[in-house]
Amino acid sequence: MKRGYILLGLLLLIVIALSVVQISVSNMLSTGGIELAQVQDEIHGLQKDNAILKEQIYSMASLTNIAQKADKLGYVAGVNTSTLVIANPQPLAIKP
């Protein structure tokens, strides 16, 4: 009879201990989920900023933008637009 009470008490103690462990693990996971959501929001914001910066780079490097800046700085296209043609081009390297 005394052995039955000891076994019952031990089982009750194990159930209580496992419940406390489950509660603590659930609490850690819930706070980890909140931190994960914040990090993901930050990642999405940085990706959006990165895409905007890429678009700005593309627009600054476009040929029309470069031509407009050259005109503002006083670049004048050549008057004579003749083409130079070499009749007998020499090779750059001699073949052995």
PDB file of N, CA and C in Angstrom:
ATOM      1  N   MET A   1       0.821  -1.182   0.000  1.00  0.00           N
ATOM      2  CA  MET A   1       0.000   0.000   0.000  1.00  0.00           C
ATOM      3  C   MET A   1       0.872   1.255   0.000  1.00  0.00           C
ATOM      4  N   LYS A   2       1.893   1.270   0.848  1.00  0.00           N
ATOM      5  CA  LYS A   2       2.774   2.415   0.914  1.00  0.00           C
ATOM      6  C   LYS A   2       3.535   2.564  -0.413  1.00  0.00           C
ATOM      7  N   ARG A   3       3.851   1.441  -1.043  1.00  0.00           N
ATOM      8  CA  ARG A   3       4.549   1.454  -2.323  1.00  0.00           C
ATOM      9  C   ARG A   3       3.687   2.094  -3.406  1.00  0.00           C
ATOM     10  N   GLY A   4       2.399   1.885  -3.363  1.00  0.00           N
ATOM     11  CA  GLY A   4       1.464   2.475  -4.330  1.00  0.00           C
ATOM     12  C   GLY A   4       1.417   3.988  -4.204  1.00  0.00           C
ATOM     13  N   TYR A   5       1.422   4.507  -2.955  1.00  0.00           N
ATOM     14  CA  TYR A   5       1.415   5.961  -2.752  1.00  0.00           C
ATOM     15  C   TYR A   5       2.723   6.599  -3.238  1.00  0.00           C
ATOM     16  N   ILE A   6       3.824   5.916  -3.005  1.00  0.00           N
ATOM     17  CA  ILE A   6       5.118   6.438  -3.460  1.00  0.00           C
ATOM     18  C   ILE A   6       5.155   6.498  -4.985  1.00  0.00           C
ATOM     19  N   LEU A   7       4.680   5.444  -5.636  1.00  0.00           N
ATOM     20  CA  LEU A   7       4.640   5.404  -7.096  1.00  0.00           C
ATOM     21  C   LEU A   7       3.710   6.477  -7.645  1.00  0.00           C
ATOM     22  N   LEU A   8       2.549   6.654  -7.031  1.00  0.00           N
ATOM     23  CA  LEU A   8       1.608   7.678  -7.468  1.00  0.00           C
ATOM     24  C   LEU A   8       2.194   9.075  -7.277  1.00  0.00           C
ATOM     25  N   GLY A   9       2.841   9.302  -6.164  1.00  0.00           N
ATOM     26  CA  GLY A   9       3.473  10.597  -5.905  1.00  0.00           C
ATOM     27  C   GLY A   9       4.605  10.879  -6.897  1.00  0.00           C
ATOM     28  N   LEU A  10       5.385   9.847  -7.202  1.00  0.00           N
ATOM     29  CA  LEU A  10       6.473   9.997  -8.158  1.00  0.00           C
ATOM     30  C   LEU A  10       5.944  10.330  -9.552  1.00  0.00           C
ATOM     31  N   LEU A  11       4.889   9.647  -9.968  1.00  0.00           N
ATOM     32  CA  LEU A  11       4.278   9.932 -11.271  1.00  0.00           C
ATOM     33  C   LEU A  11       3.711  11.352 -11.313  1.00  0.00           C
ATOM     34  N   LEU A  12       3.089  11.800 -10.245  1.00  0.00           N
ATOM     35  CA  LEU A  12       2.550  13.163 -10.183  1.00  0.00           C
ATOM     36  C   LEU A  12       3.686  14.188 -10.262  1.00  0.00           C
ATOM     37  N   LEU A  13       4.780  13.911  -9.592  1.00  0.00           N
ATOM     38  CA  LEU A  13       5.941  14.807  -9.639  1.00  0.00           C
ATOM     39  C   LEU A  13       6.533  14.865 -11.046  1.00  0.00           C
ATOM     40  N   ILE A  14       6.593  13.750 -11.730  1.00  0.00           N
ATOM     41  CA  ILE A  14       7.101  13.711 -13.111  1.00  0.00           C
ATOM     42  C   ILE A  14       6.185  14.504 -14.035  1.00  0.00           C
ATOM     43  N   VAL A  15       4.887  14.368 -13.888  1.00  0.00           N
ATOM     44  CA  VAL A  15       3.927  15.103 -14.716  1.00  0.00           C
ATOM     45  C   VAL A  15       4.084  16.607 -14.502  1.00  0.00           C
ATOM     46  N   ILE A  16       4.252  17.025 -13.248  1.00  0.00           N
ATOM     47  CA  ILE A  16       4.413  18.455 -12.948  1.00  0.00           C
ATOM     48  C   ILE A  16       5.722  18.977 -13.552  1.00  0.00           C
ATOM     49  N   ALA A  17       6.796  18.207 -13.413  1.00  0.00           N
ATOM     50  CA  ALA A  17       8.094  18.629 -13.957  1.00  0.00           C
ATOM     51  C   ALA A  17       8.040  18.736 -15.472  1.00  0.00           C
ATOM     52  N   LEU A  18       7.412  17.771 -16.135  1.00  0.00           N
ATOM     53  CA  LEU A  18       7.316  17.816 -17.587  1.00  0.00           C
ATOM     54  C   LEU A  18       6.417  18.966 -18.051  1.00  0.00           C
ATOM     55  N   SER A  19       5.399  19.289 -17.296  1.00  0.00           N
ATOM     56  CA  SER A  19       4.547  20.435 -17.632  1.00  0.00           C
ATOM     57  C   SER A  19       5.324  21.741 -17.545  1.00  0.00           C
ATOM     58  N   VAL A  20       6.151  21.872 -16.514  1.00  0.00           N
ATOM     59  CA  VAL A  20       6.972  23.082 -16.375  1.00  0.00           C
ATOM     60  C   VAL A  20       7.956  23.187 -17.542  1.00  0.00           C
ATOM     61  N   VAL A  21       8.558  22.073 -17.937  1.00  0.00           N
ATOM     62  CA  VAL A  21       9.486  22.071 -19.071  1.00  0.00           C
ATOM     63  C   VAL A  21       8.755  22.465 -20.352  1.00  0.00           C
ATOM     64  N   GLN A  22       7.564  21.932 -20.561  1.00  0.00           N
ATOM     65  CA  GLN A  22       6.788  22.261 -21.762  1.00  0.00           C
ATOM     66  C   GLN A  22       6.429  23.743 -21.788  1.00  0.00           C
ATOM     67  N   ILE A  23       6.056  24.299 -20.662  1.00  0.00           N
ATOM     68  CA  ILE A  23       5.698  25.716 -20.605  1.00  0.00           C
ATOM     69  C   ILE A  23       6.911  26.583 -20.906  1.00  0.00           C
ATOM     70  N   SER A  24       8.053  26.239 -20.356  1.00  0.00           N
ATOM     71  CA  SER A  24       9.258  27.049 -20.590  1.00  0.00           C
ATOM     72  C   SER A  24       9.702  26.961 -22.049  1.00  0.00           C
ATOM     73  N   VAL A  25       9.631  25.782 -22.656  1.00  0.00           N
ATOM     74  CA  VAL A  25      10.011  25.631 -24.069  1.00  0.00           C
ATOM     75  C   VAL A  25       9.038  26.393 -24.962  1.00  0.00           C
ATOM     76  N   SER A  26       7.752  26.329 -24.660  1.00  0.00           N
ATOM     77  CA  SER A  26       6.759  27.064 -25.444  1.00  0.00           C
ATOM     78  C   SER A  26       6.993  28.566 -25.340  1.00  0.00           C
ATOM     79  N   ASN A  27       7.360  29.035 -24.169  1.00  0.00           N
ATOM     80  CA  ASN A  27       7.637  30.456 -23.971  1.00  0.00           C
ATOM     81  C   ASN A  27       8.856  30.882 -24.786  1.00  0.00           C
ATOM     82  N   MET A  28       9.906  30.062 -24.802  1.00  0.00           N
ATOM     83  CA  MET A  28      11.101  30.393 -25.581  1.00  0.00           C
ATOM     84  C   MET A  28      10.786  30.420 -27.076  1.00  0.00           C
ATOM     85  N   LEU A  29       9.968  29.479 -27.535  1.00  0.00           N
ATOM     86  CA  LEU A  29       9.625  29.435 -28.952  1.00  0.00           C
ATOM     87  C   LEU A  29       8.759  30.619 -29.360  1.00  0.00           C
ATOM     88  N   SER A  30       7.862  31.048 -28.492  1.00  0.00           N
ATOM     89  CA  SER A  30       6.997  32.173 -28.850  1.00  0.00           C
ATOM     90  C   SER A  30       7.795  33.463 -28.943  1.00  0.00           C
ATOM     91  N   THR A  31       8.735  33.704 -28.040  1.00  0.00           N
ATOM     92  CA  THR A  31       9.559  34.909 -28.127  1.00  0.00           C
ATOM     93  C   THR A  31      10.521  34.811 -29.300  1.00  0.00           C
ATOM     94  N   GLY A  32      10.984  33.612 -29.612  1.00  0.00           N
ATOM     95  CA  GLY A  32      11.835  33.423 -30.789  1.00  0.00           C
ATOM     96  C   GLY A  32      11.074  33.711 -32.071  1.00  0.00           C
ATOM     97  N   GLY A  33       9.803  33.375 -32.117  1.00  0.00           N
ATOM     98  CA  GLY A  33       8.975  33.663 -33.282  1.00  0.00           C
ATOM     99  C   GLY A  33       8.787  35.152 -33.494  1.00  0.00           C
ATOM    100  N   ILE A  34       8.640  35.893 -32.413  1.00  0.00           N
ATOM    101  CA  ILE A  34       8.498  37.347 -32.518  1.00  0.00           C
ATOM    102  C   ILE A  34       9.793  37.950 -33.056  1.00  0.00           C
ATOM    103  N   GLU A  35      10.925  37.508 -32.542  1.00  0.00           N
ATOM    104  CA  GLU A  35      12.213  38.012 -33.020  1.00  0.00           C
ATOM    105  C   GLU A  35      12.421  37.637 -34.488  1.00  0.00           C
ATOM    106  N   LEU A  36      12.013  36.429 -34.871  1.00  0.00           N
ATOM    107  CA  LEU A  36      12.139  35.993 -36.248  1.00  0.00           C
ATOM    108  C   LEU A  36      11.291  36.865 -37.170  1.00  0.00           C
ATOM    109  N   ALA A  37      10.095  37.203 -36.759  1.00  0.00           N
ATOM    110  CA  ALA A  37       9.236  38.070 -37.566  1.00  0.00           C
ATOM    111  C   ALA A  37       9.857  39.452 -37.734  1.00  0.00           C
ATOM    112  N   GLN A  38      10.474  39.978 -36.680  1.00  0.00           N
ATOM    113  CA  GLN A  38      11.127  41.286 -36.774  1.00  0.00           C
ATOM    114  C   GLN A  38      12.310  41.235 -37.735  1.00  0.00           C
ATOM    115  N   VAL A  39      13.088  40.167 -37.676  1.00  0.00           N
ATOM    116  CA  VAL A  39      14.239  40.026 -38.569  1.00  0.00           C
ATOM    117  C   VAL A  39      13.769  39.896 -40.019  1.00  0.00           C
ATOM    118  N   GLN A  40      12.697  39.146 -40.246  1.00  0.00           N
ATOM    119  CA  GLN A  40      12.177  38.994 -41.600  1.00  0.00           C
ATOM    120  C   GLN A  40      11.651  40.319 -42.136  1.00  0.00           C
ATOM    121  N   ASP A  41      11.007  41.117 -41.303  1.00  0.00           N
ATOM    122  CA  ASP A  41      10.553  42.439 -41.731  1.00  0.00           C
ATOM    123  C   ASP A  41      11.738  43.315 -42.116  1.00  0.00           C
ATOM    124  N   GLU A  42      12.794  43.246 -41.329  1.00  0.00           N
ATOM    125  CA  GLU A  42      13.986  44.032 -41.634  1.00  0.00           C
ATOM    126  C   GLU A  42      14.621  43.573 -42.947  1.00  0.00           C
ATOM    127  N   ILE A  43      14.635  42.267 -43.179  1.00  0.00           N
ATOM    128  CA  ILE A  43      15.188  41.729 -44.426  1.00  0.00           C
ATOM    129  C   ILE A  43      14.377  42.232 -45.618  1.00  0.00           C
ATOM    130  N   HIS A  44      13.048  42.196 -45.505  1.00  0.00           N
ATOM    131  CA  HIS A  44      12.204  42.669 -46.605  1.00  0.00           C
ATOM    132  C   HIS A  44      12.420  44.155 -46.867  1.00  0.00           C
ATOM    133  N   GLY A  45      12.573  44.938 -45.813  1.00  0.00           N
ATOM    134  CA  GLY A  45      12.834  46.363 -45.980  1.00  0.00           C
ATOM    135  C   GLY A  45      14.154  46.620 -46.681  1.00  0.00           C
ATOM    136  N   LEU A  46      15.190  45.866 -46.290  1.00  0.00           N
ATOM    137  CA  LEU A  46      16.497  46.029 -46.928  1.00  0.00           C
ATOM    138  C   LEU A  46      16.476  45.578 -48.385  1.00  0.00           C
ATOM    139  N   GLN A  47      15.713  44.533 -48.688  1.00  0.00           N
ATOM    140  CA  GLN A  47      15.598  44.090 -50.076  1.00  0.00           C
ATOM    141  C   GLN A  47      14.890  45.147 -50.919  1.00  0.00           C
ATOM    142  N   LYS A  48      13.881  45.795 -50.349  1.00  0.00           N
ATOM    143  CA  LYS A  48      13.177  46.853 -51.068  1.00  0.00           C
ATOM    144  C   LYS A  48      14.111  48.036 -51.315  1.00  0.00           C
ATOM    145  N   ASP A  49      14.883  48.422 -50.294  1.00  0.00           N
ATOM    146  CA  ASP A  49      15.843  49.513 -50.454  1.00  0.00           C
ATOM    147  C   ASP A  49      16.907  49.149 -51.497  1.00  0.00           C
ATOM    148  N   ASN A  50      17.335  47.904 -51.498  1.00  0.00           N
ATOM    149  CA  ASN A  50      18.324  47.443 -52.463  1.00  0.00           C
ATOM    150  C   ASN A  50      17.783  47.538 -53.887  1.00  0.00           C
ATOM    151  N   ALA A  51      16.526  47.170 -54.086  1.00  0.00           N
ATOM    152  CA  ALA A  51      15.920  47.259 -55.412  1.00  0.00           C
ATOM    153  C   ALA A  51      15.812  48.714 -55.868  1.00  0.00           C
ATOM    154  N   ILE A  52      15.474  49.607 -54.947  1.00  0.00           N
ATOM    155  CA  ILE A  52      15.384  51.032 -55.290  1.00  0.00           C
ATOM    156  C   ILE A  52      16.762  51.561 -55.685  1.00  0.00           C
ATOM    157  N   LEU A  53      17.792  51.182 -54.937  1.00  0.00           N
ATOM    158  CA  LEU A  53      19.146  51.625 -55.259  1.00  0.00           C
ATOM    159  C   LEU A  53      19.623  51.070 -56.607  1.00  0.00           C
ATOM    160  N   LYS A  54      19.246  49.845 -56.913  1.00  0.00           N
ATOM    161  CA  LYS A  54      19.605  49.276 -58.221  1.00  0.00           C
ATOM    162  C   LYS A  54      18.963  50.071 -59.346  1.00  0.00           C
ATOM    163  N   GLU A  55      17.693  50.444 -59.168  1.00  0.00           N
ATOM    164  CA  GLU A  55      17.012  51.246 -60.180  1.00  0.00           C
ATOM    165  C   GLU A  55      17.699  52.597 -60.350  1.00  0.00           C
ATOM    166  N   GLN A  56      18.137  53.202 -59.258  1.00  0.00           N
ATOM    167  CA  GLN A  56      18.834  54.478 -59.350  1.00  0.00           C
ATOM    168  C   GLN A  56      20.165  54.319 -60.079  1.00  0.00           C
ATOM    169  N   ILE A  57      20.862  53.228 -59.831  1.00  0.00           N
ATOM    170  CA  ILE A  57      22.129  52.981 -60.521  1.00  0.00           C
ATOM    171  C   ILE A  57      21.880  52.815 -62.015  1.00  0.00           C
ATOM    172  N   TYR A  58      20.848  52.061 -62.373  1.00  0.00           N
ATOM    173  CA  TYR A  58      20.542  51.850 -63.788  1.00  0.00           C
ATOM    174  C   TYR A  58      20.185  53.163 -64.478  1.00  0.00           C
ATOM    175  N   SER A  59      19.430  54.010 -63.795  1.00  0.00           N
ATOM    176  CA  SER A  59      19.048  55.278 -64.421  1.00  0.00           C
ATOM    177  C   SER A  59      20.247  56.211 -64.552  1.00  0.00           C
ATOM    178  N   MET A  60      21.157  56.204 -63.562  1.00  0.00           N
ATOM    179  CA  MET A  60      22.341  57.064 -63.635  1.00  0.00           C
ATOM    180  C   MET A  60      23.319  56.575 -64.705  1.00  0.00           C
ATOM    181  N   ALA A  61      23.349  55.286 -64.964  1.00  0.00           N
ATOM    182  CA  ALA A  61      24.289  54.726 -65.932  1.00  0.00           C
ATOM    183  C   ALA A  61      23.710  54.644 -67.335  1.00  0.00           C
ATOM    184  N   SER A  62      22.478  55.064 -67.527  1.00  0.00           N
ATOM    185  CA  SER A  62      21.877  54.973 -68.848  1.00  0.00           C
ATOM    186  C   SER A  62      22.554  55.944 -69.812  1.00  0.00           C
ATOM    187  N   LEU A  63      22.543  55.593 -71.080  1.00  0.00           N
ATOM    188  CA  LEU A  63      23.219  56.411 -72.086  1.00  0.00           C
ATOM    189  C   LEU A  63      22.553  57.776 -72.244  1.00  0.00           C
ATOM    190  N   THR A  64      21.248  57.848 -72.110  1.00  0.00           N
ATOM    191  CA  THR A  64      20.579  59.147 -72.250  1.00  0.00           C
ATOM    192  C   THR A  64      20.992  60.079 -71.117  1.00  0.00           C
ATOM    193  N   ASN A  65      21.115  59.560 -69.923  1.00  0.00           N
ATOM    194  CA  ASN A  65      21.544  60.378 -68.791  1.00  0.00           C
ATOM    195  C   ASN A  65      22.975  60.861 -68.994  1.00  0.00           C
ATOM    196  N   ILE A  66      23.836  59.984 -69.455  1.00  0.00           N
ATOM    197  CA  ILE A  66      25.227  60.364 -69.703  1.00  0.00           C
ATOM    198  C   ILE A  66      25.300  61.417 -70.808  1.00  0.00           C
ATOM    199  N   ALA A  67      24.496  61.261 -71.860  1.00  0.00           N
ATOM    200  CA  ALA A  67      24.487  62.242 -72.950  1.00  0.00           C
ATOM    201  C   ALA A  67      23.999  63.598 -72.452  1.00  0.00           C
ATOM    202  N   GLN A  68      22.984  63.616 -71.605  1.00  0.00           N
ATOM    203  CA  GLN A  68      22.484  64.884 -71.068  1.00  0.00           C
ATOM    204  C   GLN A  68      23.541  65.564 -70.205  1.00  0.00           C
ATOM    205  N   LYS A  69      24.240  64.802 -69.386  1.00  0.00           N
ATOM    206  CA  LYS A  69      25.293  65.392 -68.559  1.00  0.00           C
ATOM    207  C   LYS A  69      26.441  65.909 -69.414  1.00  0.00           C
ATOM    208  N   ALA A  70      26.779  65.196 -70.478  1.00  0.00           N
ATOM    209  CA  ALA A  70      27.844  65.646 -71.371  1.00  0.00           C
ATOM    210  C   ALA A  70      27.449  66.957 -72.041  1.00  0.00           C
ATOM    211  N   ASP A  71      26.189  67.083 -72.459  1.00  0.00           N
ATOM    212  CA  ASP A  71      25.724  68.340 -73.059  1.00  0.00           C
ATOM    213  C   ASP A  71      25.797  69.477 -72.057  1.00  0.00           C
ATOM    214  N   LYS A  72      25.447  69.232 -70.819  1.00  0.00           N
ATOM    215  CA  LYS A  72      25.502  70.274 -69.791  1.00  0.00           C
ATOM    216  C   LYS A  72      26.943  70.709 -69.520  1.00  0.00           C
ATOM    217  N   LEU A  73      27.885  69.771 -69.628  1.00  0.00           N
ATOM    218  CA  LEU A  73      29.282  70.091 -69.366  1.00  0.00           C
ATOM    219  C   LEU A  73      29.985  70.710 -70.576  1.00  0.00           C
ATOM    220  N   GLY A  74      29.267  70.839 -71.708  1.00  0.00           N
ATOM    221  CA  GLY A  74      29.829  71.502 -72.875  1.00  0.00           C
ATOM    222  C   GLY A  74      30.434  70.576 -73.903  1.00  0.00           C
ATOM    223  N   TYR A  75      30.129  69.317 -73.866  1.00  0.00           N
ATOM    224  CA  TYR A  75      30.642  68.400 -74.879  1.00  0.00           C
ATOM    225  C   TYR A  75      29.990  68.716 -76.213  1.00  0.00           C
ATOM    226  N   VAL A  76      30.817  68.806 -77.256  1.00  0.00           N
ATOM    227  CA  VAL A  76      30.309  69.066 -78.598  1.00  0.00           C
ATOM    228  C   VAL A  76      30.706  67.892 -79.466  1.00  0.00           C
ATOM    229  N   ALA A  77      29.740  67.352 -80.190  1.00  0.00           N
ATOM    230  CA  ALA A  77      30.027  66.232 -81.081  1.00  0.00           C
ATOM    231  C   ALA A  77      30.928  66.697 -82.208  1.00  0.00           C
ATOM    232  N   GLY A  78      31.754  65.817 -82.724  1.00  0.00           N
ATOM    233  CA  GLY A  78      32.678  66.162 -83.794  1.00  0.00           C
ATOM    234  C   GLY A  78      31.940  66.643 -85.032  1.00  0.00           C
ATOM    235  N   VAL A  79      32.502  67.658 -85.703  1.00  0.00           N
ATOM    236  CA  VAL A  79      31.878  68.210 -86.904  1.00  0.00           C
ATOM    237  C   VAL A  79      32.053  67.263 -88.060  1.00  0.00           C
ATOM    238  N   ASN A  80      33.225  66.730 -88.228  1.00  0.00           N
ATOM    239  CA  ASN A  80      33.515  65.819 -89.323  1.00  0.00           C
ATOM    240  C   ASN A  80      33.241  64.402 -88.825  1.00  0.00           C
ATOM    241  N   THR A  81      32.289  63.758 -89.421  1.00  0.00           N
ATOM    242  CA  THR A  81      31.923  62.416 -88.981  1.00  0.00           C
ATOM    243  C   THR A  81      32.409  61.362 -89.965  1.00  0.00           C
ATOM    244  N   SER A  82      33.558  61.594 -90.583  1.00  0.00           N
ATOM    245  CA  SER A  82      34.077  60.614 -91.527  1.00  0.00           C
ATOM    246  C   SER A  82      34.599  59.402 -90.753  1.00  0.00           C
ATOM    247  N   THR A  83      34.648  58.292 -91.442  1.00  0.00           N
ATOM    248  CA  THR A  83      35.067  57.049 -90.833  1.00  0.00           C
ATOM    249  C   THR A  83      36.461  56.682 -91.334  1.00  0.00           C
ATOM    250  N   LEU A  84      37.321  56.275 -90.452  1.00  0.00           N
ATOM    251  CA  LEU A  84      38.670  55.869 -90.804  1.00  0.00           C
ATOM    252  C   LEU A  84      38.665  54.372 -91.060  1.00  0.00           C
ATOM    253  N   VAL A  85      39.135  53.993 -92.249  1.00  0.00           N
ATOM    254  CA  VAL A  85      39.184  52.586 -92.616  1.00  0.00           C
ATOM    255  C   VAL A  85      40.629  52.238 -92.935  1.00  0.00           C
ATOM    256  N   ILE A  86      41.130  51.194 -92.337  1.00  0.00           N
ATOM    257  CA  ILE A  86      42.486  50.729 -92.607  1.00  0.00           C
ATOM    258  C   ILE A  86      42.394  49.649 -93.674  1.00  0.00           C
ATOM    259  N   ALA A  87      43.104  49.868 -94.786  1.00  0.00           N
ATOM    260  CA  ALA A  87      42.992  48.957 -95.932  1.00  0.00           C
ATOM    261  C   ALA A  87      43.617  47.610 -95.627  1.00  0.00           C
ATOM    262  N   ASN A  88      44.840  47.617 -95.141  1.00  0.00           N
ATOM    263  CA  ASN A  88      45.544  46.363 -94.849  1.00  0.00           C
ATOM    264  C   ASN A  88      45.904  46.315 -93.376  1.00  0.00           C
ATOM    265  N   PRO A  89      45.024  45.827 -92.552  1.00  0.00           N
ATOM    266  CA  PRO A  89      45.341  45.817 -91.122  1.00  0.00           C
ATOM    267  C   PRO A  89      46.453  44.823 -90.816  1.00  0.00           C
ATOM    268  N   GLN A  90      47.385  45.230 -89.987  1.00  0.00           N
ATOM    269  CA  GLN A  90      48.484  44.355 -89.587  1.00  0.00           C
ATOM    270  C   GLN A  90      48.053  43.551 -88.360  1.00  0.00           C
ATOM    271  N   PRO A  91      48.495  42.315 -88.274  1.00  0.00           N
ATOM    272  CA  PRO A  91      48.141  41.534 -87.077  1.00  0.00           C
ATOM    273  C   PRO A  91      48.798  42.102 -85.834  1.00  0.00           C
ATOM    274  N   LEU A  92      48.144  41.946 -84.712  1.00  0.00           N
ATOM    275  CA  LEU A  92      48.654  42.459 -83.463  1.00  0.00           C
ATOM    276  C   LEU A  92      49.802  41.602 -82.920  1.00  0.00           C
ATOM    277  N   ALA A  93      49.777  40.342 -83.240  1.00  0.00           N
ATOM    278  CA  ALA A  93      50.811  39.440 -82.770  1.00  0.00           C
ATOM    279  C   ALA A  93      51.274  38.582 -83.943  1.00  0.00           C
ATOM    280  N   ILE A  94      52.547  38.251 -83.964  1.00  0.00           N
ATOM    281  CA  ILE A  94      53.087  37.433 -85.037  1.00  0.00           C
ATOM    282  C   ILE A  94      52.918  35.966 -84.653  1.00  0.00           C
ATOM    283  N   LYS A  95      52.362  35.205 -85.586  1.00  0.00           N
ATOM    284  CA  LYS A  95      52.172  33.776 -85.332  1.00  0.00           C
ATOM    285  C   LYS A  95      53.507  33.060 -85.512  1.00  0.00           C
ATOM    286  N   PRO A  96      53.874  32.169 -84.630  1.00  0.00           N
ATOM    287  CA  PRO A  96      55.141  31.449 -84.754  1.00  0.00           C
ATOM    288  C   PRO A  96      55.116  30.402 -85.858  1.00  0.00           C
TER     289      PRO A  96
END
